C-alpha atoms as a PDB file:
ATOM      1  CA  MET A   1      45.347  42.797 -76.490  1.00  0.00           C
ATOM      2  CA  LYS A   2      44.188  45.103 -73.806  1.00  0.00           C
ATOM      3  CA  ARG A   3      45.946  44.538 -70.544  1.00  0.00           C
ATOM      4  CA  ILE A   4      43.834  43.853 -67.387  1.00  0.00           C
ATOM      5  CA  PRO A   5      44.902  46.206 -64.602  1.00  0.00           C
ATOM      6  CA  LEU A   6      46.632  44.503 -61.684  1.00  0.00           C
ATOM      7  CA  ILE A   7      44.219  46.095 -59.244  1.00  0.00           C
ATOM      8  CA  ASP A   8      41.291  44.420 -61.025  1.00  0.00           C
ATOM      9  CA  ILE A   9      42.914  40.975 -60.719  1.00  0.00           C
ATOM     10  CA  ARG A  10      43.643  41.520 -57.046  1.00  0.00           C
ATOM     11  CA  SER A  11      40.064  42.706 -56.457  1.00  0.00           C
ATOM     12  CA  PHE A  12      38.725  39.674 -58.282  1.00  0.00           C
ATOM     13  CA  LEU A  13      40.835  37.294 -56.207  1.00  0.00           C
ATOM     14  CA  ALA A  14      39.861  39.057 -52.967  1.00  0.00           C
ATOM     15  CA  ILE A  15      36.189  38.829 -53.857  1.00  0.00           C
ATOM     16  CA  THR A  16      36.530  35.161 -54.796  1.00  0.00           C
ATOM     17  CA  VAL A  17      38.274  34.286 -51.506  1.00  0.00           C
ATOM     18  CA  LEU A  18      35.760  36.336 -49.536  1.00  0.00           C
ATOM     19  CA  GLY A  19      32.890  34.556 -51.303  1.00  0.00           C
ATOM     20  CA  ALA A  20      34.368  31.162 -50.527  1.00  0.00           C
ATOM     21  CA  LEU A  21      34.739  32.103 -46.903  1.00  0.00           C
ATOM     22  CA  VAL A  22      31.137  33.283 -46.746  1.00  0.00           C
ATOM     23  CA  ILE A  23      29.892  30.053 -48.338  1.00  0.00           C
ATOM     24  CA  LEU A  24      31.950  28.023 -45.904  1.00  0.00           C
ATOM     25  CA  ALA A  25      30.652  30.014 -42.963  1.00  0.00           C
ATOM     26  CA  VAL A  26      27.077  29.668 -44.037  1.00  0.00           C
ATOM     27  CA  GLY A  27      27.571  25.956 -44.486  1.00  0.00           C
ATOM     28  CA  CYS A  28      29.022  25.615 -41.004  1.00  0.00           C
ATOM     29  CA  SER A  29      26.249  27.785 -39.551  1.00  0.00           C
ATOM     30  CA  SER A  30      23.581  25.675 -41.241  1.00  0.00           C
ATOM     31  CA  SER A  31      25.180  22.478 -39.899  1.00  0.00           C
ATOM     32  CA  ALA A  32      25.364  23.900 -36.357  1.00  0.00           C
ATOM     33  CA  SER A  33      21.763  24.965 -36.606  1.00  0.00           C
ATOM     34  CA  SER A  34      20.468  21.541 -37.675  1.00  0.00           C
ATOM     35  CA  GLU A  35      22.480  19.692 -35.038  1.00  0.00           C
ATOM     36  CA  GLY A  36      22.830  22.392 -32.439  1.00  0.00           C
ATOM     37  CA  THR A  37      20.792  24.128 -29.785  1.00  0.00           C
ATOM     38  CA  PRO A  38      16.976  23.998 -29.781  1.00  0.00           C
ATOM     39  CA  GLU A  39      15.235  27.282 -29.052  1.00  0.00           C
ATOM     40  CA  LYS A  40      12.968  25.586 -26.545  1.00  0.00           C
ATOM     41  CA  ILE A  41      12.307  22.124 -25.095  1.00  0.00           C
ATOM     42  CA  ARG A  42       8.650  21.200 -24.625  1.00  0.00           C
ATOM     43  CA  LEU A  43       7.874  18.715 -21.831  1.00  0.00           C
ATOM     44  CA  ASP A  44       4.667  17.319 -20.537  1.00  0.00           C
ATOM     45  CA  TYR A  45       3.766  16.588 -16.938  1.00  0.00           C
ATOM     46  CA  ALA A  46       1.109  14.201 -15.643  1.00  0.00           C
ATOM     47  CA  TYR A  47      -0.370  13.235 -12.293  1.00  0.00           C
ATOM     48  CA  TYR A  48       0.283   9.564 -13.178  1.00  0.00           C
ATOM     49  CA  SER A  49       3.998  10.421 -13.528  1.00  0.00           C
ATOM     50  CA  PRO A  50       5.213  11.712 -10.183  1.00  0.00           C
ATOM     51  CA  THR A  51       8.772  12.233 -11.542  1.00  0.00           C
ATOM     52  CA  SER A  52       7.421  14.758 -14.054  1.00  0.00           C
ATOM     53  CA  LEU A  53       5.711  16.665 -11.214  1.00  0.00           C
ATOM     54  CA  VAL A  54       8.951  16.761  -9.214  1.00  0.00           C
ATOM     55  CA  LEU A  55      10.903  17.940 -12.256  1.00  0.00           C
ATOM     56  CA  LYS A  56       8.415  20.713 -12.929  1.00  0.00           C
ATOM     57  CA  LYS A  57       8.121  21.805  -9.260  1.00  0.00           C
ATOM     58  CA  PHE A  58      11.870  22.213  -8.649  1.00  0.00           C
ATOM     59  CA  GLY A  59      12.672  23.743 -12.036  1.00  0.00           C
ATOM     60  CA  TRP A  60      15.592  21.400 -12.733  1.00  0.00           C
ATOM     61  CA  ALA A  61      15.002  21.379 -16.460  1.00  0.00           C
ATOM     62  CA  GLU A  62      15.030  25.177 -16.461  1.00  0.00           C
ATOM     63  CA  GLU A  63      18.316  25.193 -14.507  1.00  0.00           C
ATOM     64  CA  GLU A  64      19.918  22.632 -16.821  1.00  0.00           C
ATOM     65  CA  PHE A  65      19.330  24.706 -19.963  1.00  0.00           C
ATOM     66  CA  GLU A  66      19.299  28.262 -18.508  1.00  0.00           C
ATOM     67  CA  GLU A  67      22.866  29.233 -19.629  1.00  0.00           C
ATOM     68  CA  GLU A  68      22.062  28.376 -23.245  1.00  0.00           C
ATOM     69  CA  GLY A  69      18.905  30.480 -23.181  1.00  0.00           C
ATOM     70  CA  ILE A  70      16.707  27.435 -23.936  1.00  0.00           C
ATOM     71  CA  GLU A  71      13.099  27.962 -22.866  1.00  0.00           C
ATOM     72  CA  ILE A  72      11.274  25.096 -21.119  1.00  0.00           C
ATOM     73  CA  GLU A  73       7.581  24.827 -21.983  1.00  0.00           C
ATOM     74  CA  TRP A  74       5.223  22.566 -20.012  1.00  0.00           C
ATOM     75  CA  ALA A  75       1.901  20.939 -21.048  1.00  0.00           C
ATOM     76  CA  LEU A  76      -0.416  18.917 -18.787  1.00  0.00           C
ATOM     77  CA  SER A  77      -1.246  15.449 -20.090  1.00  0.00           C
ATOM     78  CA  GLN A  78      -4.484  14.148 -18.603  1.00  0.00           C
ATOM     79  CA  GLY A  79      -3.906  10.674 -20.015  1.00  0.00           C
ATOM     80  CA  SER A  80      -1.767   8.788 -22.518  1.00  0.00           C
ATOM     81  CA  ASN A  81      -4.189   9.703 -25.273  1.00  0.00           C
ATOM     82  CA  LYS A  82      -3.614  13.395 -24.640  1.00  0.00           C
ATOM     83  CA  ALA A  83       0.210  12.998 -24.440  1.00  0.00           C
ATOM     84  CA  LEU A  84       0.135  11.180 -27.748  1.00  0.00           C
ATOM     85  CA  GLU A  85      -2.045  13.898 -29.298  1.00  0.00           C
ATOM     86  CA  PHE A  86       0.570  16.426 -28.193  1.00  0.00           C
ATOM     87  CA  LEU A  87       3.406  14.358 -29.668  1.00  0.00           C
ATOM     88  CA  ASN A  88       1.585  13.734 -32.973  1.00  0.00           C
ATOM     89  CA  SER A  89       0.658  17.411 -33.350  1.00  0.00           C
ATOM     90  CA  ASP A  90       4.250  18.542 -32.581  1.00  0.00           C
ATOM     91  CA  SER A  91       3.006  20.333 -29.444  1.00  0.00           C
ATOM     92  CA  VAL A  92       5.581  18.721 -27.134  1.00  0.00           C
ATOM     93  CA  ASP A  93       9.000  17.126 -27.705  1.00  0.00           C
ATOM     94  CA  PHE A  94       8.655  14.644 -24.798  1.00  0.00           C
ATOM     95  CA  GLY A  95       5.423  12.972 -23.714  1.00  0.00           C
ATOM     96  CA  SER A  96       4.522  10.631 -20.854  1.00  0.00           C
ATOM     97  CA  THR A  97       2.415   7.610 -21.785  1.00  0.00           C
ATOM     98  CA  ALA A  98       1.725   4.012 -21.009  1.00  0.00           C
ATOM     99  CA  GLY A  99       3.769   1.582 -23.072  1.00  0.00           C
ATOM    100  CA  ALA A 100       0.873  -0.150 -24.881  1.00  0.00           C
ATOM    101  CA  ALA A 101      -0.734   3.193 -25.708  1.00  0.00           C
ATOM    102  CA  ALA A 102       2.564   4.303 -27.324  1.00  0.00           C
ATOM    103  CA  LEU A 103       2.654   1.046 -29.343  1.00  0.00           C
ATOM    104  CA  MET A 104      -0.872   1.591 -30.549  1.00  0.00           C
ATOM    105  CA  SER A 105       0.063   5.096 -31.667  1.00  0.00           C
ATOM    106  CA  LYS A 106       3.283   3.869 -33.275  1.00  0.00           C
ATOM    107  CA  ALA A 107       1.211   1.349 -35.276  1.00  0.00           C
ATOM    108  CA  ASN A 108      -0.749   4.321 -36.594  1.00  0.00           C
ATOM    109  CA  GLY A 109       2.397   6.079 -37.754  1.00  0.00           C
ATOM    110  CA  ALA A 110       3.293   8.187 -34.753  1.00  0.00           C
ATOM    111  CA  PRO A 111       6.882   9.567 -35.113  1.00  0.00           C
ATOM    112  CA  ILE A 112       7.938   8.640 -31.559  1.00  0.00           C
ATOM    113  CA  LYS A 113      10.574   6.714 -29.645  1.00  0.00           C
ATOM    114  CA  ASN A 114      10.551   5.439 -26.069  1.00  0.00           C
ATOM    115  CA  VAL A 115      13.808   6.520 -24.468  1.00  0.00           C
ATOM    116  CA  TYR A 116      13.178   6.269 -20.726  1.00  0.00           C
ATOM    117  CA  ILE A 117      10.917   4.557 -18.149  1.00  0.00           C
ATOM    118  CA  TYR A 118       9.620   7.080 -15.666  1.00  0.00           C
ATOM    119  CA  SER A 119       8.039   4.378 -13.504  1.00  0.00           C
ATOM    120  CA  LYS A 120       5.816   1.318 -13.370  1.00  0.00           C
ATOM    121  CA  PRO A 121       2.524   2.878 -12.143  1.00  0.00           C
ATOM    122  CA  GLU A 122      -0.560   1.123 -10.890  1.00  0.00           C
ATOM    123  CA  TRP A 123      -3.000   0.989 -13.821  1.00  0.00           C
ATOM    124  CA  THR A 124      -3.652  -2.721 -14.037  1.00  0.00           C
ATOM    125  CA  ALA A 125      -6.892  -2.928 -12.017  1.00  0.00           C
ATOM    126  CA  LEU A 126     -10.640  -2.758 -12.459  1.00  0.00           C
ATOM    127  CA  VAL A 127     -12.717  -0.870  -9.878  1.00  0.00           C
ATOM    128  CA  ALA A 128     -16.271  -1.300  -8.614  1.00  0.00           C
ATOM    129  CA  GLY A 129     -18.161   0.938  -6.285  1.00  0.00           C
ATOM    130  CA  LYS A 130     -18.991   0.365  -2.662  1.00  0.00           C
ATOM    131  CA  ASP A 131     -21.527  -2.427  -2.075  1.00  0.00           C
ATOM    132  CA  SER A 132     -21.301  -3.492  -5.747  1.00  0.00           C
ATOM    133  CA  ASP A 133     -22.272  -7.041  -6.607  1.00  0.00           C
ATOM    134  CA  ILE A 134     -19.404  -7.192  -9.129  1.00  0.00           C
ATOM    135  CA  SER A 135     -16.602  -9.483  -7.994  1.00  0.00           C
ATOM    136  CA  ASN A 136     -15.118 -10.852 -11.286  1.00  0.00           C
ATOM    137  CA  LEU A 137     -14.972 -10.224 -14.981  1.00  0.00           C
ATOM    138  CA  ALA A 138     -17.978 -12.440 -15.776  1.00  0.00           C
ATOM    139  CA  ASP A 139     -20.119 -10.100 -13.635  1.00  0.00           C
ATOM    140  CA  LEU A 140     -19.508  -7.277 -16.126  1.00  0.00           C
ATOM    141  CA  LYS A 141     -21.643  -8.845 -18.857  1.00  0.00           C
ATOM    142  CA  GLY A 142     -24.393  -6.403 -19.765  1.00  0.00           C
ATOM    143  CA  LYS A 143     -22.802  -3.689 -17.611  1.00  0.00           C
ATOM    144  CA  LYS A 144     -21.229  -0.320 -18.340  1.00  0.00           C
ATOM    145  CA  VAL A 145     -17.487   0.056 -17.834  1.00  0.00           C
ATOM    146  CA  ALA A 146     -15.693   3.437 -18.073  1.00  0.00           C
ATOM    147  CA  ALA A 147     -12.273   3.555 -19.710  1.00  0.00           C
ATOM    148  CA  THR A 148     -10.194   6.085 -21.610  1.00  0.00           C
ATOM    149  CA  LEU A 149      -9.705   4.791 -25.153  1.00  0.00           C
ATOM    150  CA  GLY A 150      -6.060   4.671 -26.203  1.00  0.00           C
ATOM    151  CA  THR A 151      -4.674   4.387 -22.680  1.00  0.00           C
ATOM    152  CA  ASP A 152      -3.178   1.469 -20.726  1.00  0.00           C
ATOM    153  CA  PRO A 153      -6.196   1.001 -18.453  1.00  0.00           C
ATOM    154  CA  TYR A 154      -8.339   0.543 -21.612  1.00  0.00           C
ATOM    155  CA  ILE A 155      -5.785  -1.903 -23.060  1.00  0.00           C
ATOM    156  CA  PHE A 156      -5.619  -3.649 -19.676  1.00  0.00           C
ATOM    157  CA  LEU A 157      -9.412  -4.050 -19.821  1.00  0.00           C
ATOM    158  CA  LEU A 158      -9.169  -5.725 -23.234  1.00  0.00           C
ATOM    159  CA  ARG A 159      -6.396  -8.023 -21.982  1.00  0.00           C
ATOM    160  CA  ALA A 160      -8.434  -8.900 -18.875  1.00  0.00           C
ATOM    161  CA  PHE A 161     -11.449  -9.836 -21.061  1.00  0.00           C
ATOM    162  CA  GLU A 162      -9.227 -11.978 -23.252  1.00  0.00           C
ATOM    163  CA  ALA A 163      -7.587 -13.702 -20.246  1.00  0.00           C
ATOM    164  CA  GLU A 164     -10.917 -14.430 -18.528  1.00  0.00           C
ATOM    165  CA  GLY A 165     -12.851 -15.380 -21.674  1.00  0.00           C
ATOM    166  CA  VAL A 166     -15.304 -12.498 -21.547  1.00  0.00           C
ATOM    167  CA  PRO A 167     -16.273 -11.205 -25.065  1.00  0.00           C
ATOM    168  CA  PRO A 168     -15.842  -7.395 -25.143  1.00  0.00           C
ATOM    169  CA  LYS A 169     -19.109  -7.096 -27.100  1.00  0.00           C
ATOM    170  CA  ASP A 170     -20.954  -8.284 -23.992  1.00  0.00           C
ATOM    171  CA  VAL A 171     -19.911  -5.143 -22.115  1.00  0.00           C
ATOM    172  CA  GLU A 172     -20.616  -1.494 -22.909  1.00  0.00           C
ATOM    173  CA  ILE A 173     -17.352   0.482 -22.740  1.00  0.00           C
ATOM    174  CA  VAL A 174     -17.952   4.144 -22.023  1.00  0.00           C
ATOM    175  CA  ASN A 175     -15.143   6.388 -23.206  1.00  0.00           C
ATOM    176  CA  LEU A 176     -14.289   8.912 -20.478  1.00  0.00           C
ATOM    177  CA  GLN A 177     -11.115  10.657 -19.411  1.00  0.00           C
ATOM    178  CA  HIS A 178      -9.667   9.134 -16.252  1.00  0.00           C
ATOM    179  CA  GLY A 179     -10.981  11.668 -13.779  1.00  0.00           C
ATOM    180  CA  ASP A 180     -14.427  11.621 -15.370  1.00  0.00           C
ATOM    181  CA  GLY A 181     -14.493   7.832 -15.282  1.00  0.00           C
ATOM    182  CA  ALA A 182     -13.778   7.918 -11.540  1.00  0.00           C
ATOM    183  CA  SER A 183     -16.612  10.421 -11.057  1.00  0.00           C
ATOM    184  CA  ALA A 184     -18.994   8.348 -13.216  1.00  0.00           C
ATOM    185  CA  LEU A 185     -18.315   5.304 -11.004  1.00  0.00           C
ATOM    186  CA  THR A 186     -19.014   7.133  -7.715  1.00  0.00           C
ATOM    187  CA  SER A 187     -22.220   8.697  -9.138  1.00  0.00           C
ATOM    188  CA  GLY A 188     -23.488   5.358 -10.426  1.00  0.00           C
ATOM    189  CA  GLN A 189     -23.422   6.277 -14.114  1.00  0.00           C
ATOM    190  CA  VAL A 190     -21.208   3.244 -14.817  1.00  0.00           C
ATOM    191  CA  ASP A 191     -20.865  -0.095 -13.043  1.00  0.00           C
ATOM    192  CA  ALA A 192     -17.101  -0.400 -13.174  1.00  0.00           C
ATOM    193  CA  TRP A 193     -14.035   1.548 -14.233  1.00  0.00           C
ATOM    194  CA  ALA A 194     -10.668   0.681 -15.687  1.00  0.00           C
ATOM    195  CA  GLY A 195      -8.687   3.152 -13.601  1.00  0.00           C
ATOM    196  CA  LEU A 196      -5.292   4.408 -12.635  1.00  0.00           C
ATOM    197  CA  ASP A 197      -3.716   6.278  -9.805  1.00  0.00           C
ATOM    198  CA  PRO A 198      -4.097   8.832  -8.221  1.00  0.00           C
ATOM    199  CA  HIS A 199      -7.827   8.625  -9.051  1.00  0.00           C
ATOM    200  CA  MET A 200      -8.049   4.972  -8.156  1.00  0.00           C
ATOM    201  CA  ALA A 201      -6.269   5.408  -4.770  1.00  0.00           C
ATOM    202  CA  ARG A 202      -8.587   8.310  -4.008  1.00  0.00           C
ATOM    203  CA  LEU A 203     -11.750   6.235  -4.644  1.00  0.00           C
ATOM    204  CA  GLU A 204     -10.422   3.405  -2.457  1.00  0.00           C
ATOM    205  CA  LEU A 205      -9.775   5.752   0.478  1.00  0.00           C
ATOM    206  CA  GLU A 206     -12.620   8.195   0.118  1.00  0.00           C
ATOM    207  CA  SER A 207     -15.438   6.105  -1.341  1.00  0.00           C
ATOM    208  CA  ASP A 208     -14.597   2.560  -0.251  1.00  0.00           C
ATOM    209  CA  ALA A 209     -14.309   1.508  -3.896  1.00  0.00           C
ATOM    210  CA  GLU A 210     -12.938  -1.996  -4.499  1.00  0.00           C
ATOM    211  CA  LEU A 211     -10.212  -3.127  -6.856  1.00  0.00           C
ATOM    212  CA  PHE A 212     -11.974  -6.360  -7.782  1.00  0.00           C
ATOM    213  CA  TYR A 213      -9.559  -7.505 -10.492  1.00  0.00           C
ATOM    214  CA  ARG A 214      -5.826  -6.887 -10.646  1.00  0.00           C
ATOM    215  CA  ASN A 215      -3.080  -8.301 -12.800  1.00  0.00           C
ATOM    216  CA  PRO A 216       0.306  -6.505 -12.568  1.00  0.00           C
ATOM    217  CA  ASP A 217       1.745  -8.814 -15.218  1.00  0.00           C
ATOM    218  CA  PHE A 218      -0.280  -6.857 -17.779  1.00  0.00           C
ATOM    219  CA  ASN A 219       1.515  -3.642 -16.930  1.00  0.00           C
ATOM    220  CA  THR A 220       3.373  -2.021 -19.875  1.00  0.00           C
ATOM    221  CA  TYR A 221       5.175   0.584 -17.801  1.00  0.00           C
ATOM    222  CA  GLY A 222       5.359   4.373 -18.027  1.00  0.00           C
ATOM    223  CA  PHE A 223       7.133   5.471 -21.176  1.00  0.00           C
ATOM    224  CA  LEU A 224       8.814   8.835 -21.715  1.00  0.00           C
ATOM    225  CA  ASN A 225       8.593   9.256 -25.469  1.00  0.00           C
ATOM    226  CA  VAL A 226      10.464  11.725 -27.646  1.00  0.00           C
ATOM    227  CA  ARG A 227       9.584  12.892 -31.126  1.00  0.00           C
ATOM    228  CA  GLU A 228      11.934  11.251 -33.642  1.00  0.00           C
ATOM    229  CA  GLU A 229      12.694  14.551 -35.294  1.00  0.00           C
ATOM    230  CA  PHE A 230      13.900  16.068 -32.007  1.00  0.00           C
ATOM    231  CA  ALA A 231      16.024  12.982 -31.259  1.00  0.00           C
ATOM    232  CA  GLU A 232      17.657  13.084 -34.691  1.00  0.00           C
ATOM    233  CA  LYS A 233      18.423  16.817 -34.490  1.00  0.00           C
ATOM    234  CA  HIS A 234      19.325  17.047 -30.843  1.00  0.00           C
ATOM    235  CA  PRO A 235      20.548  13.686 -29.447  1.00  0.00           C
ATOM    236  CA  ASP A 236      22.685  15.318 -26.745  1.00  0.00           C
ATOM    237  CA  TYR A 237      19.625  17.157 -25.452  1.00  0.00           C
ATOM    238  CA  VAL A 238      17.678  13.901 -25.204  1.00  0.00           C
ATOM    239  CA  ASN A 239      20.402  12.646 -22.905  1.00  0.00           C
ATOM    240  CA  ARG A 240      20.258  15.782 -20.849  1.00  0.00           C
ATOM    241  CA  VAL A 241      16.514  15.592 -20.468  1.00  0.00           C
ATOM    242  CA  ILE A 242      16.927  11.998 -19.299  1.00  0.00           C
ATOM    243  CA  ASN A 243      19.570  13.286 -16.846  1.00  0.00           C
ATOM    244  CA  VAL A 244      17.158  15.684 -15.167  1.00  0.00           C
ATOM    245  CA  TYR A 245      14.480  12.989 -15.125  1.00  0.00           C
ATOM    246  CA  GLU A 246      16.967  10.776 -13.316  1.00  0.00           C
ATOM    247  CA  LYS A 247      17.508  13.498 -10.775  1.00  0.00           C
ATOM    248  CA  ALA A 248      13.752  13.585 -10.139  1.00  0.00           C
ATOM    249  CA  ARG A 249      13.450   9.783 -10.007  1.00  0.00           C
ATOM    250  CA  LYS A 250      16.227   9.484  -7.435  1.00  0.00           C
ATOM    251  CA  TRP A 251      14.743  12.300  -5.397  1.00  0.00           C
ATOM    252  CA  VAL A 252      11.397  10.449  -5.238  1.00  0.00           C
ATOM    253  CA  GLN A 253      13.144   7.248  -4.111  1.00  0.00           C
ATOM    254  CA  ASP A 254      15.200   9.045  -1.480  1.00  0.00           C
ATOM    255  CA  ASN A 255      12.372  11.324  -0.160  1.00  0.00           C
ATOM    256  CA  PRO A 256       9.114   9.320  -0.176  1.00  0.00           C
ATOM    257  CA  GLU A 257       7.419  11.518   2.451  1.00  0.00           C
ATOM    258  CA  GLU A 258       8.291  14.795   0.733  1.00  0.00           C
ATOM    259  CA  ALA A 259       7.366  13.254  -2.632  1.00  0.00           C
ATOM    260  CA  ALA A 260       3.904  12.344  -1.259  1.00  0.00           C
ATOM    261  CA  LYS A 261       3.408  15.915  -0.028  1.00  0.00           C
ATOM    262  CA  LEU A 262       4.502  17.342  -3.377  1.00  0.00           C
ATOM    263  CA  LEU A 263       2.229  14.919  -5.329  1.00  0.00           C
ATOM    264  CA  ALA A 264      -0.695  15.820  -3.073  1.00  0.00           C
ATOM    265  CA  GLU A 265      -0.103  19.528  -3.620  1.00  0.00           C
ATOM    266  CA  GLU A 266       0.362  19.333  -7.394  1.00  0.00           C
ATOM    267  CA  ALA A 267      -2.452  16.841  -8.087  1.00  0.00           C
ATOM    268  CA  GLU A 268      -4.749  18.513  -5.500  1.00  0.00           C
ATOM    269  CA  ILE A 269      -5.341  15.207  -3.659  1.00  0.00           C
ATOM    270  CA  LYS A 270      -5.148  14.263  -0.019  1.00  0.00           C
ATOM    271  CA  GLU A 271      -1.724  13.305   1.218  1.00  0.00           C
ATOM    272  CA  GLU A 272      -2.906   9.775   2.216  1.00  0.00           C
ATOM    273  CA  VAL A 273      -3.973   9.239  -1.409  1.00  0.00           C
ATOM    274  CA  ALA A 274      -0.590  10.358  -2.638  1.00  0.00           C
ATOM    275  CA  VAL A 275       1.119   8.010  -0.169  1.00  0.00           C
ATOM    276  CA  LYS A 276      -0.942   5.078  -1.483  1.00  0.00           C
ATOM    277  CA  GLN A 277      -0.109   5.986  -5.086  1.00  0.00           C
ATOM    278  CA  LEU A 278       3.627   6.105  -4.420  1.00  0.00           C
ATOM    279  CA  GLU A 279       3.583   2.876  -2.427  1.00  0.00           C
ATOM    280  CA  ARG A 280       2.494   0.941  -5.480  1.00  0.00           C
ATOM    281  CA  ASN A 281       4.600   2.842  -7.981  1.00  0.00           C
ATOM    282  CA  ASP A 282       7.871   1.146  -8.922  1.00  0.00           C
ATOM    283  CA  PHE A 283      10.710   3.551  -9.830  1.00  0.00           C
ATOM    284  CA  SER A 284      13.493   0.926 -10.061  1.00  0.00           C
ATOM    285  CA  GLU A 285      13.765   0.315 -13.821  1.00  0.00           C
ATOM    286  CA  PRO A 286      14.576   3.552 -15.744  1.00  0.00           C
ATOM    287  CA  VAL A 287      16.223   1.898 -18.830  1.00  0.00           C
ATOM    288  CA  PRO A 288      13.782   0.386 -21.309  1.00  0.00           C
ATOM    289  CA  GLY A 289      14.671  -3.179 -22.215  1.00  0.00           C
ATOM    290  CA  GLU A 290      13.485  -6.749 -22.740  1.00  0.00           C
ATOM    291  CA  VAL A 291      10.932  -6.692 -19.964  1.00  0.00           C
ATOM    292  CA  GLN A 292       9.107  -3.763 -21.583  1.00  0.00           C
ATOM    293  CA  ARG A 293       9.542  -5.320 -25.057  1.00  0.00           C
ATOM    294  CA  GLU A 294       7.893  -8.573 -23.985  1.00  0.00           C
ATOM    295  CA  ALA A 295       5.039  -6.709 -22.259  1.00  0.00           C
ATOM    296  CA  LEU A 296       4.356  -4.702 -25.406  1.00  0.00           C
ATOM    297  CA  VAL A 297       4.445  -7.679 -27.742  1.00  0.00           C
ATOM    298  CA  GLU A 298       1.838  -9.479 -25.632  1.00  0.00           C
ATOM    299  CA  ALA A 299      -0.322  -6.391 -25.415  1.00  0.00           C
ATOM    300  CA  GLY A 300       0.003  -5.832 -29.182  1.00  0.00           C
ATOM    301  CA  LYS A 301      -1.292  -9.362 -29.880  1.00  0.00           C
ATOM    302  CA  VAL A 302      -4.462  -8.654 -27.892  1.00  0.00           C
ATOM    303  CA  LEU A 303      -4.881  -5.317 -29.653  1.00  0.00           C
ATOM    304  CA  GLN A 304      -4.639  -7.078 -32.984  1.00  0.00           C
ATOM    305  CA  GLU A 305      -7.262  -9.602 -31.962  1.00  0.00           C
ATOM    306  CA  SER A 306      -9.595  -6.718 -31.138  1.00  0.00           C
ATOM    307  CA  GLU A 307      -8.593  -5.042 -34.431  1.00  0.00           C
ATOM    308  CA  THR A 308      -7.401  -1.967 -32.499  1.00  0.00           C
ATOM    309  CA  ILE A 309      -4.098  -2.521 -34.293  1.00  0.00           C
ATOM    310  CA  ASP A 310      -3.975  -3.804 -37.891  1.00  0.00           C
ATOM    311  CA  PRO A 311      -3.974  -7.617 -37.740  1.00  0.00           C
ATOM    312  CA  GLU A 312      -1.367  -7.596 -40.512  1.00  0.00           C
ATOM    313  CA  ALA A 313       1.077  -5.421 -38.635  1.00  0.00           C
ATOM    314  CA  ASN A 314       4.335  -6.930 -37.367  1.00  0.00           C
ATOM    315  CA  ILE A 315       4.136  -6.298 -33.651  1.00  0.00           C
ATOM    316  CA  GLU A 316       7.727  -7.281 -32.932  1.00  0.00           C
ATOM    317  CA  GLU A 317       9.084  -4.902 -35.547  1.00  0.00           C
ATOM    318  CA  LEU A 318       6.836  -2.095 -34.297  1.00  0.00           C
ATOM    319  CA  THR A 319       8.016  -2.690 -30.747  1.00  0.00           C
ATOM    320  CA  ASP A 320      11.695  -2.630 -31.821  1.00  0.00           C
ATOM    321  CA  GLU A 321      11.071   0.621 -33.712  1.00  0.00           C
ATOM    322  CA  LEU A 322       9.418   2.158 -30.682  1.00  0.00           C
ATOM    323  CA  ILE A 323      11.784   1.184 -27.853  1.00  0.00           C
ATOM    324  CA  ASP A 324      15.266   2.787 -28.111  1.00  0.00           C
ATOM    325  CA  PRO A 325      17.279   2.141 -24.956  1.00  0.00           C
ATOM    326  CA  SER A 326      20.508   3.660 -26.369  1.00  0.00           C
ATOM    327  CA  PHE A 327      19.959   7.155 -24.869  1.00  0.00           C
ATOM    328  CA  ALA A 328      19.219   5.858 -21.355  1.00  0.00           C
ATOM    329  CA  GLU A 329      22.033   3.306 -21.557  1.00  0.00           C
ATOM    330  CA  GLU A 330      24.480   6.062 -22.439  1.00  0.00           C
ATOM    331  CA  THR A 331      23.181   8.474 -19.805  1.00  0.00           C
ATOM    332  CA  ILE A 332      22.388   6.389 -16.767  1.00  0.00           C
ATOM    333  CA  SER A 333      25.151   4.733 -14.755  1.00  0.00           C
ATOM    334  CA  GLU A 334      23.774   2.131 -12.414  1.00  0.00           C
END
């Protein structure tokens, strides 16, 4: 039998060991890539979320991730519907919405989780113009009401109809983005508007508009949602995003005058409007919990009655799938 040269055996063993090390290294690299550092983090900002404006203005997200070379990319959400479009199309990793709007999107299969409450804004009111003869919900029969479909003011409108016994079919709902709805009210194109701040505060101060119906119990809070894929791949980075949001939230609480000036500058509104918006914006509950869960379940029932959400859907299960307090509970120390 022909003898195998010793050098060949040594070469074979060396190649085998080297190959094993390469496979191991590739495996470790792949694992690190799937669970490791994202190339960029995409955040939205919105005029109805003052904390997002503060965060963007001061560049605290950029500072937090600068050493790792992670790019921060910003997108303006003009309403919950736009933020949800961004989330569903994988255009942002984090999006600011109203709670009920997020639930409605979740019911339609949106891959999102609520991980933080940026505030409890004022968007539970209906607005009529100066000298309007509208003073209650019954007066809206046969009238035009502006609302942005898929947002909390729209859902609030449906809940108000249900609470006051006014059939939605008796009212013409005109689908307009929030700012356009405010303009339509002042120009007389619609008779009322389901609004939100800062547009609502501006109309009150500049046009003598009247908030003729309010019910803060229908508020479903401001949700910061994350795409599920991002949360699964980068859970530590979800916590760190919450951390910088917390920095912004506390800054707003500690510096109300400066916050009003910043909001006025960023949203291009008068400072007195910004002051009014912040006065009725509650920043005290950043961790999502039972209060938000109960609000969403009640909103979900009304949305099912109007067939906006599938009547066969399990609202409680959907709510539990949407709200995930674990990140905020781990990150925020009261």
